[in-house]
Amino acid sequence: MARNSIRFTDNTMRISQRVESKMKDAMTDIILDLKRVASSSAPTDTGFLERNVQHDISIKPNKLEGKVGFSAINNGFDYAKW
């Protein structure tokens, strides 16, 4: 009687890490593109807004979040509230 054995390798952790890495790469591309478009759409009288754009990407369990924001405070005046 022939005996055959089959071995299964659990690659779920490795696959999960690769998917997370690719998702972060994709989110980074999207956020940087959004940052570029938003920055080029900002008024350019002084270039202040264009120079003060930030972005952030955070990964939490079951959540990937990207943010783009502008600082609009110049000499104590908040242009975003004006």
Protein backbone atom coordinates (compact mmCIF):
# COMPACT_ATOMS: atom_id res chain seq x y z
CA MET A 1 0.00 0.00 0.00
CA ALA A 2 1.46 3.35 -1.06
CA ARG A 3 1.45 6.19 1.37
CA ASN A 4 1.19 9.71 0.09
CA SER A 5 1.59 12.71 2.23
CA ILE A 6 0.57 16.22 1.45
CA ARG A 7 2.08 19.18 3.24
CA PHE A 8 0.29 22.48 3.39
CA THR A 9 2.19 25.64 4.16
CA ASP A 10 0.24 28.41 5.84
CA ASN A 11 1.22 31.57 3.96
CA THR A 12 -1.63 33.73 5.23
CA MET A 13 0.65 35.92 7.34
CA ARG A 14 3.07 36.48 4.46
CA ILE A 15 0.22 37.24 2.06
CA SER A 16 -1.38 39.59 4.58
CA GLN A 17 1.90 41.50 5.00
CA ARG A 18 2.36 41.80 1.23
CA VAL A 19 -1.21 43.03 0.76
CA GLU A 20 -0.76 45.59 3.54
CA SER A 21 2.48 46.80 1.96
CA LYS A 22 0.88 47.15 -1.48
CA MET A 23 -2.12 48.96 0.01
CA LYS A 24 0.20 51.43 1.74
CA ASP A 25 2.11 51.96 -1.52
CA ALA A 26 -1.15 52.61 -3.39
CA MET A 27 -2.41 54.98 -0.68
CA THR A 28 0.90 56.85 -0.76
CA ASP A 29 0.61 57.30 -4.54
CA ILE A 30 -2.98 58.53 -4.20
CA ILE A 31 -2.22 60.94 -1.33
CA LEU A 32 0.84 62.39 -3.05
CA ASP A 33 -1.20 62.90 -6.23
CA LEU A 34 -3.99 64.55 -4.24
CA LYS A 35 -1.39 66.73 -2.51
CA ARG A 36 0.07 67.77 -5.88
CA VAL A 37 -3.35 68.59 -7.38
CA ALA A 38 -4.54 70.47 -4.27
CA SER A 39 -1.27 72.38 -4.05
CA SER A 40 -1.36 73.41 -7.70
CA SER A 41 -5.00 74.51 -7.29
CA ALA A 42 -4.23 76.79 -4.32
CA PRO A 43 -3.99 80.54 -4.89
CA THR A 44 -0.41 81.52 -5.64
CA ASP A 45 -0.21 85.19 -4.70
CA THR A 46 2.57 84.47 -2.23
CA GLY A 47 2.96 80.69 -2.55
CA PHE A 48 2.31 80.40 1.21
CA LEU A 49 -0.34 77.67 0.95
CA GLU A 50 1.65 75.76 -1.63
CA ARG A 51 4.67 75.62 0.70
CA ASN A 52 2.62 74.59 3.75
CA VAL A 53 0.90 71.42 2.62
CA GLN A 54 1.27 68.25 4.68
CA HIS A 55 0.23 64.66 4.23
CA ASP A 56 -0.11 61.70 6.56
CA ILE A 57 -0.83 58.02 6.09
CA SER A 58 -1.76 55.78 9.00
CA ILE A 59 -2.37 52.06 9.17
CA LYS A 60 -4.47 50.63 11.95
CA PRO A 61 -6.14 47.24 12.24
CA ASN A 62 -8.77 47.09 9.48
CA LYS A 63 -8.21 50.75 8.57
CA LEU A 64 -5.94 52.59 6.17
CA GLU A 65 -6.25 56.37 6.26
CA GLY A 66 -4.64 59.16 4.29
CA LYS A 67 -4.89 62.89 4.91
CA VAL A 68 -3.80 66.02 3.05
CA GLY A 69 -3.92 69.38 4.80
CA PHE A 70 -2.79 72.95 4.43
CA SER A 71 -1.58 75.31 7.10
CA ALA A 72 -3.20 78.69 6.57
CA ILE A 73 -1.77 80.64 9.50
CA ASN A 74 0.57 83.45 8.53
CA ASN A 75 1.79 86.06 11.01
CA GLY A 76 -0.85 84.89 13.49
CA PHE A 77 -3.73 85.31 11.01
CA ASP A 78 -5.72 82.18 10.14
CA TYR A 79 -6.65 82.52 6.48
CA ALA A 80 -8.75 79.36 6.64
CA LYS A 81 -11.20 81.08 9.03
CA TRP A 82 -11.26 84.37 7.23
